[in-house]
């Protein structure tokens, strides 16, 4: 048994945010049915890295965000396609989509229409800047992708070197963080439905989600009108130190931790340095004073040796791991964080699991992402009560 067993989710997602949200729900047991355009499907199906063989093209990027789902193709520009979709929606618990604002309404498939068939429906709409009319902001109609949202949401303003340009993260951070918030909101709505018996509309904005990450920076501005600049200086002393085989990172947020570090690197004389006599002064001078002195000690030791020594004395430090190191990390393996999936087309693949360990529940079943329309017949028979004649007709008409 898994926590969300029995929950039926329709996903009209593309790229990252909605697919990742729905994938997390699938990992926890939900039956996620991905609705895609016949012939092309989610645009991410064609993204690099690609594997091409006699079966066609398979995208690693698509596999990463679409495991444990079923795929149904529907041409929603046709009247019959929309009618089939409404049949599916009438049996669903949740819909997750991240289409351009207004797209589903133009198709006649928005929440206000679908709730007429299913008052228990929870409809989660992910967009760049929000959709609810009574919370409409000035940016509501702008198109949105991850990097633009990182910029608008303030992440780029605080990321990068102090003397360099603002930088985005390269992990799709705004997309992924929004997806986590969307999944959280869906679970909250499900709990609400258990009390009221009614569904609701979940308006999940990428801009809102990303701006919320700046809680600390906004608090600092509110209290002091001081804007923390890019780089590591100016906050509790933190940053990276070069070791003989790479880098380690640490933070020294208290006077006691500062004392321990000075003892560890055999530089107790730094405790009396006039420019390092407080947390604030050490924060301001981490790059110019602390890092050069600390690296005299760390450069003669490996990353593991440095972190082991710091950990012994209670300093929070970590090896700056590379992607290949994380891929083979024994700790993550012990935590069952890896899903090793044998895809019918791509072969053995390793993916990172949704990081939710619930004691007493089964772990996610490692089922690879579906081929386009792979589950048409099965799903449409189950949820749309389609007959063999219906299926044959829809195929001929290009509906599925």
Protein backbone atom coordinates (compact mmCIF):
# COMPACT_ATOMS: atom_id res chain seq x y z
CA UNK A 1 0.00 0.00 0.00
CA UNK A 2 1.12 3.54 -0.80
CA UNK A 3 -0.32 6.76 0.68
CA UNK A 4 -2.14 7.94 -2.45
CA UNK A 5 -3.38 4.58 -3.73
CA UNK A 6 -6.76 5.00 -5.43
CA UNK A 7 -6.30 8.69 -6.23
CA UNK A 8 -6.93 9.43 -9.93
CA UNK A 9 -4.98 12.38 -11.34
CA UNK A 10 -5.25 13.80 -14.85
CA UNK A 11 -2.17 15.72 -15.95
CA UNK A 12 -2.25 18.14 -18.86
CA UNK A 13 1.36 19.08 -18.35
CA UNK A 14 4.29 20.08 -20.47
CA UNK A 15 7.98 20.69 -19.82
CA UNK A 16 8.66 20.53 -16.05
CA UNK A 17 6.37 22.09 -13.42
CA UNK A 18 3.10 20.18 -13.88
CA UNK A 19 4.80 16.92 -14.94
CA UNK A 20 7.07 16.99 -11.89
CA UNK A 21 4.15 17.76 -9.56
CA UNK A 22 2.14 14.88 -11.01
CA UNK A 23 5.16 12.57 -10.88
CA UNK A 24 5.55 13.17 -7.15
CA UNK A 25 1.90 12.23 -6.66
CA UNK A 26 2.48 9.13 -8.82
CA UNK A 27 5.50 8.14 -6.75
CA UNK A 28 3.22 8.18 -3.70
CA UNK A 29 0.70 5.89 -5.33
CA UNK A 30 -1.65 8.08 -7.38
CA UNK A 31 -2.85 6.81 -10.75
CA UNK A 32 -1.58 9.64 -12.95
CA UNK A 33 -2.91 9.79 -16.50
CA UNK A 34 -0.96 12.13 -18.74
CA UNK A 35 -3.14 13.68 -21.46
CA UNK A 36 -1.10 14.49 -24.58
CA UNK A 37 -1.57 15.75 -28.10
CA UNK A 38 -1.71 12.94 -30.68
CA UNK A 39 1.44 12.62 -32.75
CA UNK A 40 3.68 14.95 -30.73
CA UNK A 41 2.79 14.82 -27.05
CA UNK A 42 4.60 16.79 -24.38
CA UNK A 43 7.23 18.99 -26.11
CA UNK A 44 9.80 17.60 -23.69
CA UNK A 45 9.62 14.26 -25.50
CA UNK A 46 11.91 15.79 -28.13
CA UNK A 47 14.46 17.36 -25.75
CA UNK A 48 18.08 16.26 -25.46
CA UNK A 49 19.56 13.94 -24.41
CA UNK A 50 17.87 11.69 -26.94
CA UNK A 51 18.13 7.99 -27.66
CA UNK A 52 17.13 7.11 -31.21
CA UNK A 53 16.47 3.60 -32.48
CA UNK A 54 13.93 1.68 -34.57
CA UNK A 55 11.27 2.51 -31.99
CA UNK A 56 11.75 6.24 -32.45
CA UNK A 57 13.21 8.92 -30.22
CA UNK A 58 13.28 8.77 -26.43
CA UNK A 59 14.19 11.80 -24.34
CA UNK A 60 16.06 11.52 -21.07
CA UNK A 61 14.46 14.78 -20.00
CA UNK A 62 11.01 13.31 -20.54
CA UNK A 63 11.88 10.13 -18.63
CA UNK A 64 13.05 12.19 -15.65
CA UNK A 65 9.68 13.86 -15.04
CA UNK A 66 7.16 11.29 -16.22
CA UNK A 67 7.78 7.95 -14.56
CA UNK A 68 4.92 5.97 -12.99
CA UNK A 69 2.30 7.54 -15.30
CA UNK A 70 -0.03 6.34 -18.03
CA UNK A 71 -0.29 8.20 -21.35
CA UNK A 72 -3.49 8.95 -23.24
CA UNK A 73 -3.59 10.96 -26.46
CA UNK A 74 -6.58 13.22 -27.09
CA UNK A 75 -7.11 15.88 -29.73
CA UNK A 76 -8.81 18.53 -27.62
CA UNK A 77 -9.39 20.75 -30.66
CA UNK A 78 -12.14 18.33 -31.69
CA UNK A 79 -15.59 18.21 -30.14
CA UNK A 80 -15.31 14.47 -29.57
CA UNK A 81 -11.87 14.84 -27.96
CA UNK A 82 -13.23 17.40 -25.52
CA UNK A 83 -16.21 15.17 -24.74
CA UNK A 84 -13.89 12.26 -23.93
CA UNK A 85 -11.77 14.51 -21.73
CA UNK A 86 -14.86 15.59 -19.80
CA UNK A 87 -15.72 11.94 -19.26
CA UNK A 88 -12.28 11.36 -17.78
CA UNK A 89 -12.47 14.52 -15.66
CA UNK A 90 -15.80 13.43 -14.22
CA UNK A 91 -14.04 10.38 -12.74
CA UNK A 92 -10.87 12.14 -11.62
CA UNK A 93 -9.94 13.37 -8.15
CA UNK A 94 -7.33 15.88 -9.31
CA UNK A 95 -6.32 17.71 -12.48
CA UNK A 96 -2.86 19.27 -12.75
CA UNK A 97 -2.01 21.48 -15.73
CA UNK A 98 0.42 24.21 -16.69
CA UNK A 99 -0.92 25.35 -20.05
CA UNK A 100 -0.83 29.03 -20.98
CA UNK A 101 -3.48 30.96 -18.99
CA UNK A 102 -6.74 31.01 -20.92
CA UNK A 103 -5.96 27.95 -23.06
CA UNK A 104 -8.26 25.52 -21.26
CA UNK A 105 -11.04 28.11 -21.03
CA UNK A 106 -10.92 28.65 -24.79
CA UNK A 107 -11.37 24.90 -25.18
CA UNK A 108 -14.34 24.95 -22.83
CA UNK A 109 -12.47 22.73 -20.36
CA UNK A 110 -11.76 25.10 -17.48
CA UNK A 111 -12.51 24.43 -13.84
CA UNK A 112 -15.91 26.14 -13.87
CA UNK A 113 -17.05 23.80 -16.64
CA UNK A 114 -15.55 20.61 -15.25
CA UNK A 115 -16.84 21.15 -11.72
CA UNK A 116 -20.39 20.92 -13.11
CA UNK A 117 -19.68 17.25 -13.85
CA UNK A 118 -17.64 16.61 -10.69
CA UNK A 119 -18.06 18.81 -7.62
CA UNK A 120 -15.29 16.89 -5.80
CA UNK A 121 -12.70 17.79 -8.45
CA UNK A 122 -9.50 19.49 -7.29
CA UNK A 123 -8.12 21.53 -10.17
CA UNK A 124 -4.49 22.66 -9.84
CA UNK A 125 -3.46 25.28 -12.40
CA UNK A 126 0.25 26.12 -12.49
CA UNK A 127 1.17 29.34 -14.25
CA UNK A 128 3.88 31.96 -14.26
CA UNK A 129 2.03 34.72 -12.44
CA UNK A 130 -1.34 33.33 -11.29
CA UNK A 131 -4.83 32.95 -12.71
CA UNK A 132 -7.54 33.80 -10.18
CA UNK A 133 -9.40 36.90 -11.34
CA UNK A 134 -9.73 38.38 -7.84
CA UNK A 135 -5.96 38.04 -7.31
CA UNK A 136 -4.91 39.23 -10.76
CA UNK A 137 -1.55 40.99 -10.84
CA UNK A 138 -0.02 43.26 -13.45
CA UNK A 139 2.13 40.43 -14.88
CA UNK A 140 -0.71 37.91 -15.27
CA UNK A 141 -0.54 37.68 -19.07
CA UNK A 142 3.22 37.31 -19.41
CA UNK A 143 4.67 34.05 -20.72
CA UNK A 144 6.90 32.35 -18.19
CA UNK A 145 9.83 29.95 -18.20
CA UNK A 146 12.11 29.00 -15.34
CA UNK A 147 14.94 31.50 -15.94
CA UNK A 148 12.57 34.46 -16.33
CA UNK A 149 10.88 33.52 -13.06
CA UNK A 150 14.22 33.14 -11.27
CA UNK A 151 14.98 36.68 -12.40
CA UNK A 152 11.59 38.13 -11.46
CA UNK A 153 11.48 36.24 -8.16
CA UNK A 154 14.79 37.64 -6.94
CA UNK A 155 16.87 34.46 -7.02
CA UNK A 156 19.25 35.78 -9.65
CA UNK A 157 19.75 39.01 -7.70
CA UNK A 158 21.30 37.04 -4.82
CA UNK A 159 23.12 34.36 -6.86
CA UNK A 160 26.63 34.75 -8.24
CA UNK A 161 29.84 36.51 -7.28
CA UNK A 162 29.71 39.98 -5.77
CA UNK A 163 31.53 41.55 -8.72
CA UNK A 164 29.82 39.44 -11.41
CA UNK A 165 26.45 39.43 -13.16
CA UNK A 166 23.30 37.90 -11.64
CA UNK A 167 23.19 34.16 -12.34
CA UNK A 168 20.39 31.59 -12.52
CA UNK A 169 20.70 28.12 -11.10
CA UNK A 170 20.80 25.53 -13.88
CA UNK A 171 18.56 22.96 -12.20
CA UNK A 172 15.15 24.32 -13.20
CA UNK A 173 14.79 25.53 -9.64
CA UNK A 174 11.71 27.73 -10.10
CA UNK A 175 9.90 24.97 -11.98
CA UNK A 176 10.77 22.29 -9.44
CA UNK A 177 10.07 24.38 -6.35
CA UNK A 178 6.71 25.44 -7.77
CA UNK A 179 5.90 21.79 -8.47
CA UNK A 180 6.61 20.90 -4.84
CA UNK A 181 4.33 23.72 -3.68
CA UNK A 182 1.65 22.56 -6.11
CA UNK A 183 1.79 19.00 -4.76
CA UNK A 184 1.59 20.38 -1.21
CA UNK A 185 -1.43 22.49 -2.15
CA UNK A 186 -3.15 19.52 -3.79
CA UNK A 187 -2.70 17.45 -0.63
CA UNK A 188 -4.10 20.32 1.45
CA UNK A 189 -7.09 20.53 -0.90
CA UNK A 190 -7.65 16.79 -0.57
CA UNK A 191 -7.76 17.14 3.20
CA UNK A 192 -10.21 20.02 2.81
CA UNK A 193 -12.37 17.89 0.53
CA UNK A 194 -12.45 15.15 3.13
CA UNK A 195 -14.13 17.65 5.46
CA UNK A 196 -16.40 19.57 3.05
CA UNK A 197 -17.04 17.01 0.32
CA UNK A 198 -16.18 19.65 -2.28
CA UNK A 199 -13.21 20.21 -4.52
CA UNK A 200 -11.52 23.52 -5.22
CA UNK A 201 -9.34 25.48 -7.63
CA UNK A 202 -5.64 25.61 -6.73
CA UNK A 203 -3.91 28.65 -8.23
CA UNK A 204 -0.17 27.92 -8.11
CA UNK A 205 2.05 30.74 -9.36
CA UNK A 206 5.71 30.19 -10.18
CA UNK A 207 6.42 33.81 -9.28
CA UNK A 208 4.74 33.46 -5.87
CA UNK A 209 6.60 30.24 -5.12
CA UNK A 210 9.98 31.64 -6.11
CA UNK A 211 9.55 34.97 -4.33
CA UNK A 212 8.70 33.08 -1.14
CA UNK A 213 12.26 31.72 -1.12
CA UNK A 214 13.51 35.22 -0.39
CA UNK A 215 11.83 35.28 3.02
CA UNK A 216 15.13 35.99 4.79
CA UNK A 217 16.24 38.65 2.34
CA UNK A 218 12.84 40.37 2.47
CA UNK A 219 12.94 40.30 6.27
CA UNK A 220 16.39 41.91 6.21
CA UNK A 221 15.14 44.66 3.91
CA UNK A 222 12.03 45.20 6.02
CA UNK A 223 14.02 45.58 9.23
CA UNK A 224 17.12 47.43 8.00
CA UNK A 225 16.57 48.64 4.42
CA UNK A 226 19.83 46.82 3.70
CA UNK A 227 19.95 44.68 0.56
CA UNK A 228 22.26 41.70 0.85
CA UNK A 229 24.55 41.69 -2.16
CA UNK A 230 25.60 38.71 -4.23
CA UNK A 231 28.48 36.60 -3.01
CA UNK A 232 29.11 35.03 0.38
CA UNK A 233 30.26 38.11 2.27
CA UNK A 234 27.73 39.95 4.38
CA UNK A 235 25.92 37.01 5.94
CA UNK A 236 26.97 34.55 8.65
CA UNK A 237 30.45 33.49 7.49
CA UNK A 238 29.98 30.84 4.85
CA UNK A 239 31.50 29.71 1.62
CA UNK A 240 33.75 27.18 -0.05
CA UNK A 241 37.34 26.30 0.77
CA UNK A 242 39.75 24.62 -1.62
CA UNK A 243 41.09 21.22 -0.59
CA UNK A 244 43.68 19.08 -2.36
CA UNK A 245 41.03 17.27 -4.42
CA UNK A 246 38.21 19.78 -4.77
CA UNK A 247 36.18 21.98 -2.45
CA UNK A 248 34.36 21.84 0.85
CA UNK A 249 31.71 24.24 2.09
CA UNK A 250 31.06 25.39 5.62
CA UNK A 251 29.18 27.94 7.68
CA UNK A 252 30.40 29.51 10.94
CA UNK A 253 27.31 31.20 12.44
CA UNK A 254 28.41 31.55 16.09
CA UNK A 255 31.38 32.79 18.11
CA UNK A 256 31.89 29.30 19.55
CA UNK A 257 32.04 27.72 16.10
CA UNK A 258 34.54 30.37 15.04
CA UNK A 259 36.73 29.47 18.03
CA UNK A 260 36.54 25.77 17.14
CA UNK A 261 37.52 26.42 13.54
CA UNK A 262 40.54 28.50 14.52
CA UNK A 263 41.70 25.69 16.82
CA UNK A 264 41.11 23.08 14.09
CA UNK A 265 43.27 24.90 11.52
CA UNK A 266 45.94 25.83 14.10
CA UNK A 267 45.24 29.54 13.79
CA UNK A 268 44.12 30.57 17.27
CA UNK A 269 45.82 33.92 16.64
CA UNK A 270 42.88 34.83 14.39
CA UNK A 271 40.66 34.96 17.48
CA UNK A 272 42.30 38.28 18.35
CA UNK A 273 42.12 39.79 14.86
CA UNK A 274 40.30 43.17 15.12
CA UNK A 275 38.45 42.62 11.83
CA UNK A 276 37.19 39.19 12.89
CA UNK A 277 35.81 39.95 16.35
CA UNK A 278 32.09 39.44 15.61
CA UNK A 279 29.81 37.37 13.40
CA UNK A 280 29.07 40.46 11.29
CA UNK A 281 32.71 41.42 10.82
CA UNK A 282 33.63 37.84 9.95
CA UNK A 283 30.81 37.76 7.44
CA UNK A 284 32.09 40.93 5.80
CA UNK A 285 35.64 39.60 5.63
CA UNK A 286 35.18 35.93 4.82
CA UNK A 287 36.58 36.18 1.28
CA UNK A 288 39.40 38.60 2.03
CA UNK A 289 40.66 37.25 5.37
CA UNK A 290 39.13 33.96 6.50
CA UNK A 291 39.26 32.01 3.24
CA UNK A 292 42.98 32.67 2.47
CA UNK A 293 44.04 31.71 6.00
CA UNK A 294 41.80 28.65 6.19
CA UNK A 295 42.95 27.41 2.78
CA UNK A 296 46.56 27.29 3.97
CA UNK A 297 45.32 24.37 6.06
CA UNK A 298 42.66 22.82 3.79
CA UNK A 299 44.80 22.70 0.62
CA UNK A 300 47.10 20.12 2.18
CA UNK A 301 44.19 17.82 2.97
CA UNK A 302 41.54 15.99 0.99
CA UNK A 303 37.91 17.04 1.09
CA UNK A 304 37.04 14.02 3.22
CA UNK A 305 39.81 14.78 5.69
CA UNK A 306 38.70 18.40 6.04
CA UNK A 307 35.04 17.52 6.56
CA UNK A 308 35.92 14.71 8.99
CA UNK A 309 37.98 17.10 11.12
CA UNK A 310 35.35 19.83 11.08
CA UNK A 311 32.58 17.35 11.86
CA UNK A 312 34.54 16.02 14.85
CA UNK A 313 34.40 19.44 16.48
CA UNK A 314 30.81 20.21 15.54
CA UNK A 315 31.33 22.44 12.51
CA UNK A 316 28.67 22.01 9.78
CA UNK A 317 30.71 21.30 6.66
CA UNK A 318 30.17 19.29 3.52
CA UNK A 319 32.09 18.03 0.52
CA UNK A 320 31.17 19.90 -2.67
CA UNK A 321 30.13 16.78 -4.53
CA UNK A 322 30.01 16.43 -8.28
CA UNK A 323 27.04 14.98 -10.15
CA UNK A 324 28.89 11.66 -10.77
CA UNK A 325 29.63 11.43 -7.04
CA UNK A 326 25.99 11.97 -6.15
CA UNK A 327 25.00 9.37 -8.77
CA UNK A 328 27.08 6.78 -6.87
CA UNK A 329 26.54 8.11 -3.34
CA UNK A 330 26.36 5.24 -0.81
CA UNK A 331 24.39 7.35 1.66
CA UNK A 332 21.67 8.10 -0.88
CA UNK A 333 21.64 4.42 -1.81
CA UNK A 334 21.13 3.49 1.85
CA UNK A 335 18.25 5.97 1.94
CA UNK A 336 16.66 4.23 -1.09
CA UNK A 337 16.85 7.53 -2.97
CA UNK A 338 17.66 5.85 -6.28
CA UNK A 339 15.12 4.26 -8.58
CA UNK A 340 16.82 1.88 -10.99
CA UNK A 341 14.42 1.44 -13.89
CA UNK A 342 14.80 -0.89 -16.86
CA UNK A 343 13.12 1.00 -19.68
CA UNK A 344 11.95 -1.07 -22.64
CA UNK A 345 13.62 1.34 -25.07
CA UNK A 346 16.30 3.19 -23.10
CA UNK A 347 17.54 0.21 -21.10
CA UNK A 348 18.67 0.44 -17.44
CA UNK A 349 18.34 3.99 -16.09
CA UNK A 350 18.89 5.52 -12.66
CA UNK A 351 16.58 8.25 -11.36
CA UNK A 352 16.29 10.12 -8.09
CA UNK A 353 13.23 9.27 -6.01
CA UNK A 354 10.68 11.69 -4.56
CA UNK A 355 12.27 12.31 -1.13
CA UNK A 356 9.38 11.12 1.04
CA UNK A 357 9.96 8.12 3.29
CA UNK A 358 6.75 7.17 5.10
CA UNK A 359 7.29 4.34 7.54
CA UNK A 360 4.88 1.48 7.02
CA UNK A 361 4.12 2.33 3.37
CA UNK A 362 5.54 0.70 0.29
CA UNK A 363 8.20 2.60 -1.69
CA UNK A 364 7.41 3.88 -5.21
CA UNK A 365 7.16 1.27 -7.94
CA UNK A 366 9.89 1.99 -10.50
CA UNK A 367 7.87 2.10 -13.72
CA UNK A 368 9.39 4.02 -16.62
CA UNK A 369 7.70 6.89 -18.44
CA UNK A 370 5.04 5.80 -20.94
CA UNK A 371 5.26 5.85 -24.70
CA UNK A 372 2.94 8.35 -26.36
CA UNK A 373 -0.63 7.03 -26.18
CA UNK A 374 0.57 3.73 -24.76
CA UNK A 375 -2.41 3.41 -22.43
CA UNK A 376 -5.23 4.75 -24.62
CA UNK A 377 -7.28 1.59 -24.72
CA UNK A 378 -6.81 0.62 -21.08
CA UNK A 379 -7.60 4.05 -19.61
CA UNK A 380 -10.49 4.88 -21.91
CA UNK A 381 -12.15 1.57 -21.16
CA UNK A 382 -11.66 2.03 -17.41
CA UNK A 383 -12.61 5.67 -16.96
CA UNK A 384 -14.51 6.72 -20.09
CA UNK A 385 -16.42 3.42 -20.41
CA UNK A 386 -15.33 3.21 -24.05
CA UNK A 387 -16.50 0.28 -26.15
CA UNK A 388 -14.36 -1.36 -28.86
CA UNK A 389 -16.52 0.49 -31.38
CA UNK A 390 -15.81 3.82 -29.63
CA UNK A 391 -12.08 3.19 -29.70
CA UNK A 392 -12.10 2.21 -33.37
CA UNK A 393 -14.11 5.30 -34.29
CA UNK A 394 -11.88 7.65 -32.30
CA UNK A 395 -8.79 6.22 -33.96
CA UNK A 396 -10.25 6.68 -37.44
CA UNK A 397 -11.35 10.24 -36.61
CA UNK A 398 -7.94 11.17 -35.16
CA UNK A 399 -9.44 11.86 -31.74
CA UNK A 400 -6.89 9.60 -30.00
